[in-house]
Structures are given as C-alpha cells and as structure tokens.
Amino acid sequence: MTDSALYLDSLPVRCRVYGLSAMQSDSNGHEEVERILVGDRPFRVQLTLDFLGNSAIALLMLEPMLFVEVLVKPAGMGDKVELGAIHQTLTPEQLTYAPVLDLESPIHYGLDAGLYHLSAMVRIGAENGPALLCGSVKGPTIEVFSPSPPQTKQKSTKRRR
C-alpha cells in the first residue's frame, strides 16, 4: 500500500491525511486492502485523518464539516470518474478519523478492466463557506479485473447409433 501522506496546514492547525485505499470482500466475506478489484463486486474506499497538536482542538470546537470526494483516473487516456463523497461532522472529542465510502461495483461506475489512479479531494470547513483546510491525496494504482463468465460445456454433436 502506498503511504502517500498529505499535510493540510492552516497555521497553527495541522492535519495529516494518509492511507487512502480500496477494499473488497472475497468470496468468504473477508475484507482486505486490494490493488485488484473484481469488476462486478461492491468495494469501499477509506482514508485516515489525524489532527496534530493542541491547536487542532480549537478548530474542532467549531465542529467543521469534513468533505472527501473520491476519484479515479485511468492510467492511460481518459477522464476522471467521481466515485462518491463523504460528509462528516468533526468533533473536539476525536482527533483521528477514518471515514469509509461504500460503493457499488466498479462496473456500475463505468470502469472497464484496466489500471486506475485512486485519489481524494479533502476539504475541512463550513458547508457554505471557505475551506479552513483543503488538498488532494494520491492513493494506490488499482486494477479493475473483469473475470470471464464461466464457460459451459458444449454438448457433443455426435450421434450414437
């Protein structure tokens, strides 16, 4: 997993954003961080935010909103695809957050088999006001894999005499 961290700074407040990853359950229901997603199964995206220092509590006393927009971009040519967004109210009682976005299958979003760069735009602030902290974090390159449909056995065309 790529641990590409982003530090959002608005002196004196600092927030570390890291661990952007995609997860998918296997056939036994065990969920794991994945770089390969099966195209026809739901998946989820998660990241972690750590508010650093005592001054972060002053910001969190305002109970700002966390907005995370999750995107993928094909590794080759192609436009970004918005997968969804997370909206969460932050509180002064908590300095670490790990929001999760539950998603439909990659096929649902028009993602064909191939490689994609996962990223997230992070914004912290009032819903209808300027951001107090904002930035984008890069995640891993993921592959969407479309398994071939099960092949059926062809019936023999030979006739018995």
N, C-alpha and C. Protein backbone atom coordinates (compact mmCIF):
# COMPACT_ATOMS: atom_id res chain seq x y z
N MET A 1 0.84 -1.17 0.00
CA MET A 1 0.00 0.00 0.00
C MET A 1 0.89 1.24 0.00
N THR A 2 0.56 2.20 -0.82
CA THR A 2 1.30 3.44 -0.87
C THR A 2 0.89 4.29 0.32
N ASP A 3 1.87 4.78 1.08
CA ASP A 3 1.55 5.63 2.21
C ASP A 3 1.90 7.07 1.84
N SER A 4 1.19 7.57 0.84
CA SER A 4 1.38 8.92 0.38
C SER A 4 0.58 9.83 1.31
N ALA A 5 1.27 10.59 2.14
CA ALA A 5 0.59 11.44 3.11
C ALA A 5 0.51 12.86 2.61
N LEU A 6 -0.53 13.53 3.00
CA LEU A 6 -0.74 14.93 2.69
C LEU A 6 -0.88 15.66 4.02
N TYR A 7 -0.18 16.75 4.17
CA TYR A 7 -0.33 17.57 5.37
C TYR A 7 -1.11 18.81 4.99
N LEU A 8 -2.27 18.97 5.62
CA LEU A 8 -3.08 20.16 5.42
C LEU A 8 -2.72 21.13 6.52
N ASP A 9 -2.26 22.32 6.14
CA ASP A 9 -1.82 23.30 7.13
C ASP A 9 -2.62 24.59 7.01
N SER A 10 -3.04 25.08 8.11
CA SER A 10 -3.60 26.40 8.25
C SER A 10 -3.15 26.82 9.63
N LEU A 11 -1.98 27.44 9.68
CA LEU A 11 -1.34 27.71 10.97
C LEU A 11 -2.33 28.27 11.96
N PRO A 12 -2.37 27.75 13.13
CA PRO A 12 -1.47 26.77 13.73
C PRO A 12 -2.01 25.34 13.66
N VAL A 13 -3.00 25.06 12.82
CA VAL A 13 -3.62 23.73 12.76
C VAL A 13 -2.97 22.91 11.66
N ARG A 14 -2.69 21.65 11.99
CA ARG A 14 -2.11 20.73 11.01
C ARG A 14 -2.88 19.42 11.04
N CYS A 15 -3.14 18.88 9.85
CA CYS A 15 -3.87 17.62 9.73
C CYS A 15 -3.12 16.74 8.74
N ARG A 16 -2.85 15.51 9.14
CA ARG A 16 -2.20 14.53 8.26
C ARG A 16 -3.28 13.64 7.65
N VAL A 17 -3.28 13.53 6.32
CA VAL A 17 -4.24 12.70 5.60
C VAL A 17 -3.43 11.61 4.90
N TYR A 18 -3.76 10.36 5.14
CA TYR A 18 -2.96 9.25 4.60
C TYR A 18 -3.79 7.98 4.53
N GLY A 19 -3.18 6.94 3.97
CA GLY A 19 -3.80 5.60 3.95
C GLY A 19 -4.99 5.46 3.03
N LEU A 20 -5.06 6.26 1.97
CA LEU A 20 -6.15 6.11 1.01
C LEU A 20 -6.03 4.73 0.38
N SER A 21 -7.06 3.93 0.50
CA SER A 21 -7.01 2.56 -0.02
C SER A 21 -8.38 2.08 -0.43
N ALA A 22 -8.39 1.06 -1.27
CA ALA A 22 -9.62 0.41 -1.71
C ALA A 22 -9.66 -0.98 -1.09
N MET A 23 -10.86 -1.42 -0.71
CA MET A 23 -11.05 -2.73 -0.10
C MET A 23 -12.23 -3.43 -0.76
N GLN A 24 -12.13 -4.74 -0.82
CA GLN A 24 -13.21 -5.54 -1.39
C GLN A 24 -13.26 -6.87 -0.66
N SER A 25 -14.45 -7.37 -0.43
CA SER A 25 -14.60 -8.65 0.25
C SER A 25 -14.36 -9.79 -0.73
N ASP A 26 -13.70 -10.84 -0.22
CA ASP A 26 -13.52 -12.02 -1.06
C ASP A 26 -14.77 -12.89 -0.97
N SER A 27 -14.75 -14.01 -1.61
CA SER A 27 -15.94 -14.89 -1.64
C SER A 27 -16.31 -15.41 -0.25
N ASN A 28 -15.37 -15.38 0.70
CA ASN A 28 -15.66 -15.81 2.07
C ASN A 28 -16.09 -14.66 2.98
N GLY A 29 -16.18 -13.45 2.42
CA GLY A 29 -16.60 -12.30 3.20
C GLY A 29 -15.48 -11.60 3.96
N HIS A 30 -14.23 -12.02 3.75
CA HIS A 30 -13.10 -11.36 4.39
C HIS A 30 -12.72 -10.13 3.59
N GLU A 31 -12.63 -8.99 4.25
CA GLU A 31 -12.30 -7.75 3.57
C GLU A 31 -10.82 -7.45 3.71
N GLU A 32 -10.20 -7.11 2.60
CA GLU A 32 -8.77 -6.81 2.61
C GLU A 32 -8.49 -5.61 1.72
N VAL A 33 -7.40 -4.91 2.03
CA VAL A 33 -6.95 -3.84 1.16
C VAL A 33 -6.53 -4.49 -0.15
N GLU A 34 -7.01 -3.94 -1.22
CA GLU A 34 -6.79 -4.55 -2.53
C GLU A 34 -6.19 -3.58 -3.51
N ARG A 35 -5.39 -4.10 -4.41
CA ARG A 35 -4.95 -3.33 -5.56
C ARG A 35 -5.66 -3.84 -6.80
N ILE A 36 -6.29 -5.01 -6.67
CA ILE A 36 -7.05 -5.58 -7.77
C ILE A 36 -8.49 -5.73 -7.30
N LEU A 37 -9.41 -5.10 -8.02
CA LEU A 37 -10.83 -5.17 -7.68
C LEU A 37 -11.55 -5.98 -8.74
N VAL A 38 -12.40 -6.90 -8.29
CA VAL A 38 -13.22 -7.66 -9.22
C VAL A 38 -14.34 -6.73 -9.68
N GLY A 39 -14.50 -6.61 -11.00
CA GLY A 39 -15.39 -5.61 -11.58
C GLY A 39 -16.84 -5.69 -11.20
N ASP A 40 -17.32 -6.86 -10.80
CA ASP A 40 -18.75 -7.00 -10.53
C ASP A 40 -19.10 -7.09 -9.04
N ARG A 41 -18.15 -6.74 -8.16
CA ARG A 41 -18.42 -6.80 -6.72
C ARG A 41 -18.29 -5.41 -6.08
N PRO A 42 -19.14 -5.11 -5.10
CA PRO A 42 -19.03 -3.83 -4.39
C PRO A 42 -17.67 -3.70 -3.70
N PHE A 43 -17.26 -2.46 -3.47
CA PHE A 43 -16.00 -2.21 -2.77
C PHE A 43 -16.15 -0.98 -1.92
N ARG A 44 -15.13 -0.67 -1.16
CA ARG A 44 -15.15 0.53 -0.32
C ARG A 44 -13.80 1.21 -0.37
N VAL A 45 -13.82 2.49 -0.10
CA VAL A 45 -12.61 3.30 -0.07
C VAL A 45 -12.52 3.94 1.31
N GLN A 46 -11.30 3.98 1.85
CA GLN A 46 -11.08 4.54 3.19
C GLN A 46 -9.81 5.37 3.18
N LEU A 47 -9.75 6.35 4.06
CA LEU A 47 -8.53 7.10 4.31
C LEU A 47 -8.52 7.48 5.79
N THR A 48 -7.42 8.00 6.27
CA THR A 48 -7.29 8.37 7.68
C THR A 48 -6.85 9.82 7.79
N LEU A 49 -7.41 10.53 8.75
CA LEU A 49 -7.04 11.90 9.04
C LEU A 49 -6.64 11.98 10.51
N ASP A 50 -5.48 12.57 10.77
CA ASP A 50 -5.01 12.80 12.15
C ASP A 50 -4.84 14.30 12.33
N PHE A 51 -5.55 14.87 13.30
CA PHE A 51 -5.34 16.27 13.64
C PHE A 51 -4.21 16.33 14.64
N LEU A 52 -3.21 17.16 14.35
CA LEU A 52 -1.98 17.19 15.13
C LEU A 52 -1.89 18.47 15.96
N GLY A 53 -1.42 18.31 17.18
CA GLY A 53 -1.18 19.47 18.04
C GLY A 53 -2.41 19.94 18.81
N ASN A 54 -2.15 20.67 19.86
CA ASN A 54 -3.23 21.16 20.72
C ASN A 54 -4.13 22.17 20.03
N SER A 55 -3.59 22.91 19.08
CA SER A 55 -4.40 23.94 18.42
C SER A 55 -5.50 23.32 17.54
N ALA A 56 -5.36 22.04 17.18
CA ALA A 56 -6.40 21.39 16.39
C ALA A 56 -7.71 21.33 17.16
N ILE A 57 -7.63 21.22 18.47
CA ILE A 57 -8.85 21.17 19.28
C ILE A 57 -9.65 22.45 19.13
N ALA A 58 -8.97 23.60 19.02
CA ALA A 58 -9.68 24.87 18.84
C ALA A 58 -10.48 24.85 17.53
N LEU A 59 -9.90 24.31 16.47
CA LEU A 59 -10.62 24.19 15.20
C LEU A 59 -11.80 23.24 15.35
N LEU A 60 -11.56 22.11 15.99
CA LEU A 60 -12.61 21.10 16.11
C LEU A 60 -13.75 21.56 17.02
N MET A 61 -13.49 22.54 17.90
CA MET A 61 -14.56 23.10 18.74
C MET A 61 -15.63 23.76 17.86
N LEU A 62 -15.24 24.19 16.67
CA LEU A 62 -16.19 24.80 15.74
C LEU A 62 -17.06 23.75 15.04
N GLU A 63 -16.74 22.46 15.25
CA GLU A 63 -17.43 21.34 14.62
C GLU A 63 -17.56 21.53 13.10
N PRO A 64 -16.42 21.68 12.44
CA PRO A 64 -16.45 21.86 10.98
C PRO A 64 -16.87 20.57 10.29
N MET A 65 -17.19 20.69 9.01
CA MET A 65 -17.56 19.53 8.20
C MET A 65 -16.33 19.03 7.45
N LEU A 66 -16.25 17.72 7.34
CA LEU A 66 -15.24 17.06 6.52
C LEU A 66 -15.93 16.64 5.23
N PHE A 67 -15.36 17.05 4.11
CA PHE A 67 -15.85 16.66 2.79
C PHE A 67 -14.72 15.92 2.09
N VAL A 68 -14.99 14.71 1.63
CA VAL A 68 -14.00 13.93 0.89
C VAL A 68 -14.65 13.49 -0.41
N GLU A 69 -14.06 13.87 -1.53
CA GLU A 69 -14.54 13.44 -2.84
C GLU A 69 -13.55 12.42 -3.37
N VAL A 70 -14.02 11.21 -3.68
CA VAL A 70 -13.15 10.13 -4.14
C VAL A 70 -13.25 10.02 -5.66
N LEU A 71 -12.06 9.97 -6.28
CA LEU A 71 -11.98 9.95 -7.74
C LEU A 71 -11.05 8.84 -8.21
N VAL A 72 -11.25 8.39 -9.44
CA VAL A 72 -10.28 7.53 -10.11
C VAL A 72 -10.04 8.11 -11.49
N LYS A 73 -8.82 7.92 -11.98
CA LYS A 73 -8.47 8.36 -13.33
C LYS A 73 -7.77 7.20 -14.00
N PRO A 74 -8.17 6.88 -15.23
CA PRO A 74 -7.49 5.81 -15.95
C PRO A 74 -6.00 6.09 -16.04
N ALA A 75 -5.18 5.04 -15.95
CA ALA A 75 -3.73 5.19 -16.04
C ALA A 75 -3.31 5.72 -17.40
N GLY A 76 -4.09 5.44 -18.42
CA GLY A 76 -3.78 5.96 -19.76
C GLY A 76 -4.63 7.18 -20.04
N MET A 77 -5.19 7.24 -21.19
CA MET A 77 -6.07 8.35 -21.57
C MET A 77 -7.44 8.15 -20.94
N GLY A 78 -8.07 9.23 -20.61
CA GLY A 78 -9.43 9.16 -20.09
C GLY A 78 -9.68 10.21 -19.03
N ASP A 79 -10.95 10.45 -18.79
CA ASP A 79 -11.37 11.45 -17.82
C ASP A 79 -11.49 10.86 -16.43
N LYS A 80 -11.37 11.73 -15.44
CA LYS A 80 -11.58 11.31 -14.06
C LYS A 80 -13.03 10.89 -13.87
N VAL A 81 -13.23 9.93 -12.98
CA VAL A 81 -14.57 9.47 -12.65
C VAL A 81 -14.77 9.70 -11.16
N GLU A 82 -15.82 10.44 -10.80
CA GLU A 82 -16.13 10.65 -9.40
C GLU A 82 -16.89 9.44 -8.88
N LEU A 83 -16.34 8.81 -7.85
CA LEU A 83 -16.98 7.61 -7.29
C LEU A 83 -18.01 7.97 -6.23
N GLY A 84 -17.79 9.03 -5.50
CA GLY A 84 -18.72 9.42 -4.45
C GLY A 84 -18.05 10.36 -3.47
N ALA A 85 -18.82 10.73 -2.45
CA ALA A 85 -18.32 11.70 -1.47
C ALA A 85 -18.72 11.30 -0.06
N ILE A 86 -17.91 11.74 0.87
CA ILE A 86 -18.16 11.53 2.30
C ILE A 86 -18.38 12.90 2.92
N HIS A 87 -19.42 13.02 3.74
CA HIS A 87 -19.67 14.24 4.51
C HIS A 87 -19.79 13.82 5.97
N GLN A 88 -18.99 14.43 6.83
CA GLN A 88 -18.99 14.04 8.23
C GLN A 88 -18.69 15.27 9.09
N THR A 89 -19.41 15.40 10.19
CA THR A 89 -19.15 16.48 11.14
C THR A 89 -18.02 16.05 12.07
N LEU A 90 -17.05 16.93 12.26
CA LEU A 90 -15.91 16.67 13.14
C LEU A 90 -16.22 17.23 14.53
N THR A 91 -15.69 16.58 15.55
CA THR A 91 -15.95 17.00 16.93
C THR A 91 -14.64 17.12 17.71
N PRO A 92 -14.63 17.94 18.78
CA PRO A 92 -13.39 18.12 19.54
C PRO A 92 -13.00 16.89 20.36
N GLU A 93 -13.88 15.94 20.52
CA GLU A 93 -13.58 14.74 21.30
C GLU A 93 -12.74 13.73 20.53
N GLN A 94 -12.56 13.95 19.24
CA GLN A 94 -11.88 12.97 18.40
C GLN A 94 -10.83 13.66 17.53
N LEU A 95 -9.61 13.16 17.54
CA LEU A 95 -8.54 13.73 16.73
C LEU A 95 -8.16 12.88 15.52
N THR A 96 -8.63 11.63 15.48
CA THR A 96 -8.35 10.74 14.36
C THR A 96 -9.67 10.27 13.76
N TYR A 97 -9.75 10.33 12.45
CA TYR A 97 -10.94 9.91 11.72
C TYR A 97 -10.53 8.95 10.61
N ALA A 98 -11.36 7.96 10.34
CA ALA A 98 -11.12 7.01 9.26
C ALA A 98 -12.43 6.82 8.49
N PRO A 99 -12.85 7.85 7.74
CA PRO A 99 -14.11 7.74 7.02
C PRO A 99 -14.03 6.69 5.92
N VAL A 100 -15.17 6.04 5.68
CA VAL A 100 -15.28 4.97 4.69
C VAL A 100 -16.41 5.32 3.73
N LEU A 101 -16.18 5.07 2.46
CA LEU A 101 -17.18 5.26 1.42
C LEU A 101 -17.52 3.90 0.83
N ASP A 102 -18.74 3.43 1.06
CA ASP A 102 -19.20 2.16 0.48
C ASP A 102 -19.69 2.43 -0.93
N LEU A 103 -19.23 1.61 -1.87
CA LEU A 103 -19.51 1.84 -3.28
C LEU A 103 -20.09 0.62 -3.95
N GLU A 104 -20.76 0.86 -5.07
CA GLU A 104 -21.24 -0.23 -5.91
C GLU A 104 -20.03 -0.87 -6.59
N SER A 105 -20.26 -1.78 -7.50
CA SER A 105 -19.16 -2.44 -8.22
C SER A 105 -18.48 -1.45 -9.16
N PRO A 106 -17.21 -1.69 -9.50
CA PRO A 106 -16.53 -0.82 -10.47
C PRO A 106 -17.29 -0.68 -11.79
N ILE A 107 -17.92 -1.77 -12.23
CA ILE A 107 -18.68 -1.74 -13.49
C ILE A 107 -19.80 -0.71 -13.40
N HIS A 108 -20.41 -0.56 -12.22
CA HIS A 108 -21.51 0.40 -12.00
C HIS A 108 -21.07 1.83 -12.35
N TYR A 109 -19.80 2.14 -12.13
CA TYR A 109 -19.27 3.48 -12.39
C TYR A 109 -18.65 3.60 -13.79
N GLY A 110 -18.83 2.58 -14.60
CA GLY A 110 -18.30 2.60 -15.96
C GLY A 110 -16.82 2.31 -16.04
N LEU A 111 -16.27 1.67 -15.01
CA LEU A 111 -14.84 1.34 -15.00
C LEU A 111 -14.64 -0.01 -15.67
N ASP A 112 -14.05 0.03 -16.84
CA ASP A 112 -13.73 -1.20 -17.56
C ASP A 112 -12.48 -1.81 -16.96
N ALA A 113 -12.15 -3.01 -17.39
CA ALA A 113 -10.92 -3.64 -16.94
C ALA A 113 -9.75 -2.75 -17.30
N GLY A 114 -8.84 -2.55 -16.34
CA GLY A 114 -7.68 -1.71 -16.59
C GLY A 114 -7.13 -1.13 -15.31
N LEU A 115 -6.13 -0.25 -15.45
CA LEU A 115 -5.47 0.38 -14.31
C LEU A 115 -6.03 1.78 -14.08
N TYR A 116 -6.16 2.14 -12.80
CA TYR A 116 -6.70 3.44 -12.41
C TYR A 116 -5.90 3.99 -11.24
N HIS A 117 -5.77 5.32 -11.20
CA HIS A 117 -5.13 6.00 -10.08
C HIS A 117 -6.24 6.48 -9.15
N LEU A 118 -6.17 6.08 -7.89
CA LEU A 118 -7.15 6.46 -6.88
C LEU A 118 -6.69 7.75 -6.21
N SER A 119 -7.58 8.71 -6.02
CA SER A 119 -7.23 9.95 -5.33
C SER A 119 -8.45 10.47 -4.58
N ALA A 120 -8.19 11.43 -3.69
CA ALA A 120 -9.28 12.03 -2.93
C ALA A 120 -9.01 13.52 -2.73
N MET A 121 -10.05 14.31 -2.87
CA MET A 121 -10.01 15.73 -2.56
C MET A 121 -10.58 15.87 -1.16
N VAL A 122 -9.84 16.54 -0.27
CA VAL A 122 -10.25 16.68 1.12
C VAL A 122 -10.47 18.16 1.41
N ARG A 123 -11.60 18.45 2.03
CA ARG A 123 -11.94 19.82 2.40
C ARG A 123 -12.50 19.81 3.81
N ILE A 124 -12.01 20.73 4.65
CA ILE A 124 -12.50 20.85 6.02
C ILE A 124 -12.91 22.29 6.23
N GLY A 125 -14.16 22.48 6.63
CA GLY A 125 -14.66 23.84 6.84
C GLY A 125 -16.17 23.85 6.88
N ALA A 126 -16.72 25.06 6.81
CA ALA A 126 -18.17 25.21 6.80
C ALA A 126 -18.72 24.77 5.45
N GLU A 127 -19.93 24.25 5.46
CA GLU A 127 -20.52 23.75 4.22
C GLU A 127 -20.66 24.86 3.18
N ASN A 128 -21.07 26.03 3.61
CA ASN A 128 -21.29 27.14 2.68
C ASN A 128 -20.30 28.28 2.89
N GLY A 129 -19.09 27.94 3.24
CA GLY A 129 -18.07 28.95 3.47
C GLY A 129 -16.73 28.48 2.94
N PRO A 130 -15.71 29.32 3.10
CA PRO A 130 -14.39 28.92 2.62
C PRO A 130 -13.82 27.76 3.44
N ALA A 131 -12.95 26.99 2.81
CA ALA A 131 -12.31 25.87 3.48
C ALA A 131 -11.27 26.38 4.47
N LEU A 132 -11.21 25.75 5.62
CA LEU A 132 -10.15 26.04 6.58
C LEU A 132 -8.90 25.25 6.22
N LEU A 133 -9.09 24.02 5.75
CA LEU A 133 -8.01 23.15 5.29
C LEU A 133 -8.50 22.46 4.03
N CYS A 134 -7.63 22.30 3.03
CA CYS A 134 -8.03 21.56 1.83
C CYS A 134 -6.80 21.07 1.08
N GLY A 135 -7.00 20.05 0.28
CA GLY A 135 -5.92 19.49 -0.51
C GLY A 135 -6.35 18.18 -1.15
N SER A 136 -5.45 17.58 -1.90
CA SER A 136 -5.76 16.28 -2.51
C SER A 136 -4.67 15.29 -2.14
N VAL A 137 -5.07 14.05 -1.98
CA VAL A 137 -4.14 12.99 -1.62
C VAL A 137 -4.22 11.90 -2.68
N LYS A 138 -3.05 11.39 -3.05
CA LYS A 138 -2.98 10.31 -4.03
C LYS A 138 -2.98 8.98 -3.31
N GLY A 139 -3.67 8.04 -3.89
CA GLY A 139 -3.71 6.69 -3.36
C GLY A 139 -2.97 5.76 -4.30
N PRO A 140 -3.20 4.48 -4.12
CA PRO A 140 -2.50 3.50 -4.95
C PRO A 140 -3.09 3.41 -6.35
N THR A 141 -2.34 2.79 -7.23
CA THR A 141 -2.87 2.41 -8.53
C THR A 141 -3.62 1.11 -8.31
N ILE A 142 -4.86 1.08 -8.77
CA ILE A 142 -5.66 -0.13 -8.62
C ILE A 142 -5.98 -0.69 -10.00
N GLU A 143 -6.22 -1.98 -10.04
CA GLU A 143 -6.60 -2.62 -11.29
C GLU A 143 -8.01 -3.17 -11.15
N VAL A 144 -8.84 -2.89 -12.15
CA VAL A 144 -10.17 -3.48 -12.20
C VAL A 144 -10.05 -4.71 -13.09
N PHE A 145 -10.45 -5.83 -12.55
CA PHE A 145 -10.36 -7.11 -13.23
C PHE A 145 -11.77 -7.62 -13.47
N SER A 146 -12.07 -7.93 -14.71
CA SER A 146 -13.38 -8.48 -15.05
C SER A 146 -13.21 -9.95 -15.36
N PRO A 147 -13.64 -10.80 -14.43
CA PRO A 147 -13.49 -12.24 -14.68
C PRO A 147 -14.34 -12.66 -15.86
N SER A 148 -13.82 -13.60 -16.62
CA SER A 148 -14.60 -14.10 -17.75
C SER A 148 -15.74 -14.95 -17.21
N PRO A 149 -16.88 -14.91 -17.89
CA PRO A 149 -18.01 -15.70 -17.43
C PRO A 149 -17.67 -17.19 -17.47
N PRO A 150 -18.27 -17.96 -16.58
CA PRO A 150 -17.97 -19.39 -16.58
C PRO A 150 -18.36 -20.01 -17.92
N GLN A 151 -17.49 -20.86 -18.41
CA GLN A 151 -17.77 -21.48 -19.70
C GLN A 151 -18.64 -22.71 -19.48
N THR A 152 -19.60 -22.85 -20.36
CA THR A 152 -20.48 -24.02 -20.28
C THR A 152 -19.93 -25.09 -21.19
N LYS A 153 -20.11 -26.32 -20.78
CA LYS A 153 -19.65 -27.43 -21.60
C LYS A 153 -20.57 -27.54 -22.80
N GLN A 154 -19.95 -27.69 -23.95
CA GLN A 154 -20.75 -27.84 -25.16
C GLN A 154 -21.19 -29.29 -25.29
N LYS A 155 -22.40 -29.44 -25.71
CA LYS A 155 -22.93 -30.77 -25.91
C LYS A 155 -22.31 -31.40 -27.14
N SER A 156 -22.08 -32.64 -27.03
CA SER A 156 -21.50 -33.38 -28.15
C SER A 156 -22.53 -33.44 -29.27
N THR A 157 -22.05 -33.24 -30.47
CA THR A 157 -22.96 -33.29 -31.61
C THR A 157 -22.92 -34.64 -32.30
N LYS A 158 -22.12 -35.55 -31.77
CA LYS A 158 -22.05 -36.88 -32.37
C LYS A 158 -23.29 -37.66 -32.01
N ARG A 159 -23.78 -38.37 -33.00
CA ARG A 159 -24.95 -39.20 -32.75
C ARG A 159 -24.51 -40.63 -32.47
N ARG A 160 -25.20 -41.20 -31.56
CA ARG A 160 -24.93 -42.60 -31.28
C ARG A 160 -25.82 -43.45 -32.18
N ARG A 161 -25.27 -44.56 -32.61
CA ARG A 161 -26.04 -45.46 -33.47
C ARG A 161 -26.48 -46.64 -32.70
